[in-house]
Amino acid sequence: MMEDYCAFSQDHKCPKWEDYMLTRHEPEEADRLCHGNWIAIQRLYEYIDELRSILQKNNIDYPNI
């Protein structure tokens, strides 16, 4: 793990520390967002399948994509 110490700077603060602190949570956040998006997509696919079923039962044409 990175530390907020640099022997080569005057105040011994790591110049990349803030960047590190800001970006270290991005993979976790991306994973949560992707998972949430995938759940929403799955629900939409289920909804589309249900609508297709209703259209087919009533002999209503619909465009195939």
PDB file of N, CA and C in Angstrom:
ATOM      1  N   MET A   1       0.847  -1.183   0.000  1.00  0.00           N
ATOM      2  CA  MET A   1       0.000   0.000   0.000  1.00  0.00           C
ATOM      3  C   MET A   1       0.890   1.242   0.000  1.00  0.00           C
ATOM      4  N   MET A   2       0.454   2.226  -0.688  1.00  0.00           N
ATOM      5  CA  MET A   2       1.194   3.480  -0.786  1.00  0.00           C
ATOM      6  C   MET A   2       1.104   4.250   0.534  1.00  0.00           C
ATOM      7  N   GLU A   3       2.147   4.978   0.857  1.00  0.00           N
ATOM      8  CA  GLU A   3       2.157   5.783   2.083  1.00  0.00           C
ATOM      9  C   GLU A   3       2.355   7.248   1.736  1.00  0.00           C
ATOM     10  N   ASP A   4       1.866   8.114   2.609  1.00  0.00           N
ATOM     11  CA  ASP A   4       1.981   9.558   2.398  1.00  0.00           C
ATOM     12  C   ASP A   4       3.330  10.053   2.928  1.00  0.00           C
ATOM     13  N   TYR A   5       4.399   9.504   2.389  1.00  0.00           N
ATOM     14  CA  TYR A   5       5.731   9.920   2.806  1.00  0.00           C
ATOM     15  C   TYR A   5       6.660   9.837   1.600  1.00  0.00           C
ATOM     16  N   CYS A   6       7.469  10.880   1.443  1.00  0.00           N
ATOM     17  CA  CYS A   6       8.437  10.900   0.355  1.00  0.00           C
ATOM     18  C   CYS A   6       9.731  11.523   0.875  1.00  0.00           C
ATOM     19  N   ALA A   7      10.783  10.758   0.850  1.00  0.00           N
ATOM     20  CA  ALA A   7      12.066  11.236   1.356  1.00  0.00           C
ATOM     21  C   ALA A   7      12.666  12.322   0.472  1.00  0.00           C
ATOM     22  N   PHE A   8      12.166  12.448  -0.748  1.00  0.00           N
ATOM     23  CA  PHE A   8      12.763  13.375  -1.707  1.00  0.00           C
ATOM     24  C   PHE A   8      12.069  14.730  -1.787  1.00  0.00           C
ATOM     25  N   SER A   9      10.947  14.898  -1.130  1.00  0.00           N
ATOM     26  CA  SER A   9      10.271  16.202  -1.154  1.00  0.00           C
ATOM     27  C   SER A   9      10.613  16.980   0.110  1.00  0.00           C
ATOM     28  N   GLN A  10      10.509  18.294   0.029  1.00  0.00           N
ATOM     29  CA  GLN A  10      10.905  19.159   1.143  1.00  0.00           C
ATOM     30  C   GLN A  10      10.056  18.915   2.384  1.00  0.00           C
ATOM     31  N   ASP A  11       8.746  18.761   2.192  1.00  0.00           N
ATOM     32  CA  ASP A  11       7.866  18.546   3.350  1.00  0.00           C
ATOM     33  C   ASP A  11       7.598  17.053   3.606  1.00  0.00           C
ATOM     34  N   HIS A  12       8.269  16.187   2.878  1.00  0.00           N
ATOM     35  CA  HIS A  12       8.153  14.728   3.000  1.00  0.00           C
ATOM     36  C   HIS A  12       6.758  14.208   2.695  1.00  0.00           C
ATOM     37  N   LYS A  13       5.968  14.984   1.971  1.00  0.00           N
ATOM     38  CA  LYS A  13       4.637  14.548   1.559  1.00  0.00           C
ATOM     39  C   LYS A  13       4.737  13.979   0.147  1.00  0.00           C
ATOM     40  N   CYS A  14       4.042  12.909  -0.084  1.00  0.00           N
ATOM     41  CA  CYS A  14       4.042  12.274  -1.397  1.00  0.00           C
ATOM     42  C   CYS A  14       3.150  13.088  -2.339  1.00  0.00           C
ATOM     43  N   PRO A  15       3.679  13.587  -3.446  1.00  0.00           N
ATOM     44  CA  PRO A  15       2.858  14.398  -4.358  1.00  0.00           C
ATOM     45  C   PRO A  15       1.747  13.602  -5.039  1.00  0.00           C
ATOM     46  N   LYS A  16       1.860  12.298  -5.080  1.00  0.00           N
ATOM     47  CA  LYS A  16       0.836  11.472  -5.724  1.00  0.00           C
ATOM     48  C   LYS A  16      -0.186  10.933  -4.727  1.00  0.00           C
ATOM     49  N   TRP A  17      -0.052  11.280  -3.457  1.00  0.00           N
ATOM     50  CA  TRP A  17      -0.921  10.720  -2.423  1.00  0.00           C
ATOM     51  C   TRP A  17      -2.392  11.047  -2.651  1.00  0.00           C
ATOM     52  N   GLU A  18      -2.685  12.307  -2.957  1.00  0.00           N
ATOM     53  CA  GLU A  18      -4.087  12.687  -3.179  1.00  0.00           C
ATOM     54  C   GLU A  18      -4.677  11.923  -4.353  1.00  0.00           C
ATOM     55  N   ASP A  19      -3.912  11.798  -5.434  1.00  0.00           N
ATOM     56  CA  ASP A  19      -4.398  11.026  -6.577  1.00  0.00           C
ATOM     57  C   ASP A  19      -4.677   9.583  -6.174  1.00  0.00           C
ATOM     58  N   TYR A  20      -3.767   9.027  -5.412  1.00  0.00           N
ATOM     59  CA  TYR A  20      -3.944   7.648  -4.957  1.00  0.00           C
ATOM     60  C   TYR A  20      -5.205   7.512  -4.109  1.00  0.00           C
ATOM     61  N   MET A  21      -5.393   8.422  -3.178  1.00  0.00           N
ATOM     62  CA  MET A  21      -6.552   8.353  -2.289  1.00  0.00           C
ATOM     63  C   MET A  21      -7.865   8.507  -3.059  1.00  0.00           C
ATOM     64  N   LEU A  22      -7.847   9.338  -4.089  1.00  0.00           N
ATOM     65  CA  LEU A  22      -9.061   9.547  -4.882  1.00  0.00           C
ATOM     66  C   LEU A  22      -9.383   8.355  -5.775  1.00  0.00           C
ATOM     67  N   THR A  23      -8.347   7.734  -6.325  1.00  0.00           N
ATOM     68  CA  THR A  23      -8.595   6.679  -7.310  1.00  0.00           C
ATOM     69  C   THR A  23      -8.647   5.267  -6.735  1.00  0.00           C
ATOM     70  N   ARG A  24      -8.263   5.074  -5.507  1.00  0.00           N
ATOM     71  CA  ARG A  24      -8.225   3.705  -4.981  1.00  0.00           C
ATOM     72  C   ARG A  24      -9.611   3.098  -4.801  1.00  0.00           C
ATOM     73  N   HIS A  25     -10.648   3.921  -4.729  1.00  0.00           N
ATOM     74  CA  HIS A  25     -12.010   3.413  -4.561  1.00  0.00           C
ATOM     75  C   HIS A  25     -12.733   3.249  -5.886  1.00  0.00           C
ATOM     76  N   GLU A  26     -12.146   3.703  -6.975  1.00  0.00           N
ATOM     77  CA  GLU A  26     -12.827   3.642  -8.265  1.00  0.00           C
ATOM     78  C   GLU A  26     -13.192   2.226  -8.705  1.00  0.00           C
ATOM     79  N   PRO A  27     -12.306   1.229  -8.563  1.00  0.00           N
ATOM     80  CA  PRO A  27     -12.709  -0.122  -8.977  1.00  0.00           C
ATOM     81  C   PRO A  27     -13.918  -0.657  -8.199  1.00  0.00           C
ATOM     82  N   GLU A  28     -13.977  -0.383  -6.902  1.00  0.00           N
ATOM     83  CA  GLU A  28     -15.120  -0.823  -6.098  1.00  0.00           C
ATOM     84  C   GLU A  28     -16.398  -0.132  -6.562  1.00  0.00           C
ATOM     85  N   GLU A  29     -16.304   1.166  -6.806  1.00  0.00           N
ATOM     86  CA  GLU A  29     -17.469   1.914  -7.259  1.00  0.00           C
ATOM     87  C   GLU A  29     -17.921   1.423  -8.630  1.00  0.00           C
ATOM     88  N   ALA A  30     -16.980   1.179  -9.519  1.00  0.00           N
ATOM     89  CA  ALA A  30     -17.313   0.682 -10.852  1.00  0.00           C
ATOM     90  C   ALA A  30     -18.004  -0.676 -10.768  1.00  0.00           C
ATOM     91  N   ASP A  31     -17.526  -1.529  -9.874  1.00  0.00           N
ATOM     92  CA  ASP A  31     -18.142  -2.843  -9.710  1.00  0.00           C
ATOM     93  C   ASP A  31     -19.581  -2.712  -9.222  1.00  0.00           C
ATOM     94  N   ARG A  32     -19.810  -1.822  -8.251  1.00  0.00           N
ATOM     95  CA  ARG A  32     -21.179  -1.613  -7.749  1.00  0.00           C
ATOM     96  C   ARG A  32     -22.085  -1.074  -8.849  1.00  0.00           C
ATOM     97  N   LEU A  33     -21.577  -0.109  -9.619  1.00  0.00           N
ATOM     98  CA  LEU A  33     -22.388   0.468 -10.682  1.00  0.00           C
ATOM     99  C   LEU A  33     -22.697  -0.549 -11.768  1.00  0.00           C
ATOM    100  N   CYS A  34     -21.701  -1.330 -12.153  1.00  0.00           N
ATOM    101  CA  CYS A  34     -21.912  -2.346 -13.189  1.00  0.00           C
ATOM    102  C   CYS A  34     -22.927  -3.380 -12.724  1.00  0.00           C
ATOM    103  N   HIS A  35     -22.816  -3.799 -11.472  1.00  0.00           N
ATOM    104  CA  HIS A  35     -23.752  -4.790 -10.940  1.00  0.00           C
ATOM    105  C   HIS A  35     -25.175  -4.228 -10.943  1.00  0.00           C
ATOM    106  N   GLY A  36     -25.313  -2.993 -10.489  1.00  0.00           N
ATOM    107  CA  GLY A  36     -26.633  -2.359 -10.478  1.00  0.00           C
ATOM    108  C   GLY A  36     -27.191  -2.189 -11.877  1.00  0.00           C
ATOM    109  N   ASN A  37     -26.337  -1.817 -12.809  1.00  0.00           N
ATOM    110  CA  ASN A  37     -26.772  -1.662 -14.201  1.00  0.00           C
ATOM    111  C   ASN A  37     -27.192  -3.005 -14.782  1.00  0.00           C
ATOM    112  N   TRP A  38     -26.440  -4.058 -14.478  1.00  0.00           N
ATOM    113  CA  TRP A  38     -26.772  -5.370 -15.004  1.00  0.00           C
ATOM    114  C   TRP A  38     -28.124  -5.846 -14.477  1.00  0.00           C
ATOM    115  N   ILE A  39     -28.414  -5.579 -13.216  1.00  0.00           N
ATOM    116  CA  ILE A  39     -29.724  -5.943 -12.649  1.00  0.00           C
ATOM    117  C   ILE A  39     -30.830  -5.198 -13.393  1.00  0.00           C
ATOM    118  N   ALA A  40     -30.636  -3.912 -13.648  1.00  0.00           N
ATOM    119  CA  ALA A  40     -31.637  -3.134 -14.382  1.00  0.00           C
ATOM    120  C   ALA A  40     -31.810  -3.663 -15.799  1.00  0.00           C
ATOM    121  N   ILE A  41     -30.715  -4.020 -16.456  1.00  0.00           N
ATOM    122  CA  ILE A  41     -30.789  -4.562 -17.816  1.00  0.00           C
ATOM    123  C   ILE A  41     -31.553  -5.880 -17.824  1.00  0.00           C
ATOM    124  N   GLN A  42     -31.276  -6.749 -16.854  1.00  0.00           N
ATOM    125  CA  GLN A  42     -31.989  -8.021 -16.788  1.00  0.00           C
ATOM    126  C   GLN A  42     -33.485  -7.814 -16.611  1.00  0.00           C
ATOM    127  N   ARG A  43     -33.863  -6.855 -15.782  1.00  0.00           N
ATOM    128  CA  ARG A  43     -35.298  -6.567 -15.582  1.00  0.00           C
ATOM    129  C   ARG A  43     -35.924  -6.049 -16.870  1.00  0.00           C
ATOM    130  N   LEU A  44     -35.192  -5.229 -17.605  1.00  0.00           N
ATOM    131  CA  LEU A  44     -35.714  -4.729 -18.878  1.00  0.00           C
ATOM    132  C   LEU A  44     -35.879  -5.852 -19.898  1.00  0.00           C
ATOM    133  N   TYR A  45     -34.926  -6.777 -19.936  1.00  0.00           N
ATOM    134  CA  TYR A  45     -35.058  -7.933 -20.829  1.00  0.00           C
ATOM    135  C   TYR A  45     -36.285  -8.764 -20.470  1.00  0.00           C
ATOM    136  N   GLU A  46     -36.521  -8.966 -19.184  1.00  0.00           N
ATOM    137  CA  GLU A  46     -37.711  -9.705 -18.751  1.00  0.00           C
ATOM    138  C   GLU A  46     -38.983  -8.978 -19.177  1.00  0.00           C
ATOM    139  N   TYR A  47     -38.970  -7.658 -19.054  1.00  0.00           N
ATOM    140  CA  TYR A  47     -40.124  -6.844 -19.457  1.00  0.00           C
ATOM    141  C   TYR A  47     -40.351  -6.962 -20.961  1.00  0.00           C
ATOM    142  N   ILE A  48     -39.291  -6.890 -21.734  1.00  0.00           N
ATOM    143  CA  ILE A  48     -39.398  -7.022 -23.188  1.00  0.00           C
ATOM    144  C   ILE A  48     -39.941  -8.396 -23.561  1.00  0.00           C
ATOM    145  N   ASP A  49     -39.440  -9.443 -22.909  1.00  0.00           N
ATOM    146  CA  ASP A  49     -39.937 -10.795 -23.180  1.00  0.00           C
ATOM    147  C   ASP A  49     -41.425 -10.908 -22.887  1.00  0.00           C
ATOM    148  N   GLU A  50     -41.851 -10.295 -21.808  1.00  0.00           N
ATOM    149  CA  GLU A  50     -43.282 -10.322 -21.453  1.00  0.00           C
ATOM    150  C   GLU A  50     -44.113  -9.581 -22.509  1.00  0.00           C
ATOM    151  N   LEU A  51     -43.628  -8.428 -22.945  1.00  0.00           N
ATOM    152  CA  LEU A  51     -44.356  -7.681 -23.982  1.00  0.00           C
ATOM    153  C   LEU A  51     -44.414  -8.466 -25.290  1.00  0.00           C
ATOM    154  N   ARG A  52     -43.317  -9.122 -25.664  1.00  0.00           N
ATOM    155  CA  ARG A  52     -43.311  -9.950 -26.878  1.00  0.00           C
ATOM    156  C   ARG A  52     -44.329 -11.077 -26.764  1.00  0.00           C
ATOM    157  N   SER A  53     -44.391 -11.677 -25.599  1.00  0.00           N
ATOM    158  CA  SER A  53     -45.342 -12.759 -25.375  1.00  0.00           C
ATOM    159  C   SER A  53     -46.774 -12.276 -25.556  1.00  0.00           C
ATOM    160  N   ILE A  54     -47.069 -11.116 -25.010  1.00  0.00           N
ATOM    161  CA  ILE A  54     -48.422 -10.548 -25.144  1.00  0.00           C
ATOM    162  C   ILE A  54     -48.737 -10.252 -26.612  1.00  0.00           C
ATOM    163  N   LEU A  55     -47.772  -9.688 -27.312  1.00  0.00           N
ATOM    164  CA  LEU A  55     -47.982  -9.391 -28.729  1.00  0.00           C
ATOM    165  C   LEU A  55     -48.201 -10.679 -29.534  1.00  0.00           C
ATOM    166  N   GLN A  56     -47.420 -11.702 -29.263  1.00  0.00           N
ATOM    167  CA  GLN A  56     -47.567 -12.971 -29.984  1.00  0.00           C
ATOM    168  C   GLN A  56     -48.904 -13.633 -29.678  1.00  0.00           C
ATOM    169  N   LYS A  57     -49.333 -13.605 -28.438  1.00  0.00           N
ATOM    170  CA  LYS A  57     -50.619 -14.216 -28.070  1.00  0.00           C
ATOM    171  C   LYS A  57     -51.777 -13.539 -28.768  1.00  0.00           C
ATOM    172  N   ASN A  58     -51.617 -12.247 -29.039  1.00  0.00           N
ATOM    173  CA  ASN A  58     -52.692 -11.484 -29.689  1.00  0.00           C
ATOM    174  C   ASN A  58     -52.468 -11.314 -31.183  1.00  0.00           C
ATOM    175  N   ASN A  59     -51.517 -12.086 -31.740  1.00  0.00           N
ATOM    176  CA  ASN A  59     -51.219 -12.051 -33.177  1.00  0.00           C
ATOM    177  C   ASN A  59     -50.934 -10.635 -33.679  1.00  0.00           C
ATOM    178  N   ILE A  60     -50.177  -9.906 -32.914  1.00  0.00           N
ATOM    179  CA  ILE A  60     -49.799  -8.537 -33.298  1.00  0.00           C
ATOM    180  C   ILE A  60     -48.359  -8.559 -33.771  1.00  0.00           C
ATOM    181  N   ASP A  61     -48.131  -8.056 -34.977  1.00  0.00           N
ATOM    182  CA  ASP A  61     -46.792  -8.016 -35.521  1.00  0.00           C
ATOM    183  C   ASP A  61     -45.957  -6.964 -34.809  1.00  0.00           C
ATOM    184  N   TYR A  62     -44.689  -7.262 -34.696  1.00  0.00           N
ATOM    185  CA  TYR A  62     -43.745  -6.305 -34.113  1.00  0.00           C
ATOM    186  C   TYR A  62     -42.413  -6.462 -34.836  1.00  0.00           C
ATOM    187  N   PRO A  63     -41.627  -5.408 -34.870  1.00  0.00           N
ATOM    188  CA  PRO A  63     -40.346  -5.496 -35.599  1.00  0.00           C
ATOM    189  C   PRO A  63     -39.340  -6.376 -34.850  1.00  0.00           C
ATOM    190  N   ASN A  64     -38.652  -7.198 -35.602  1.00  0.00           N
ATOM    191  CA  ASN A  64     -37.555  -7.992 -35.025  1.00  0.00           C
ATOM    192  C   ASN A  64     -36.275  -7.183 -35.113  1.00  0.00           C
ATOM    193  N   ILE A  65     -35.608  -7.097 -34.032  1.00  0.00           N
ATOM    194  CA  ILE A  65     -34.350  -6.320 -34.013  1.00  0.00           C
ATOM    195  C   ILE A  65     -33.191  -7.271 -33.852  1.00  0.00           C
TER     196      ILE A  65
END
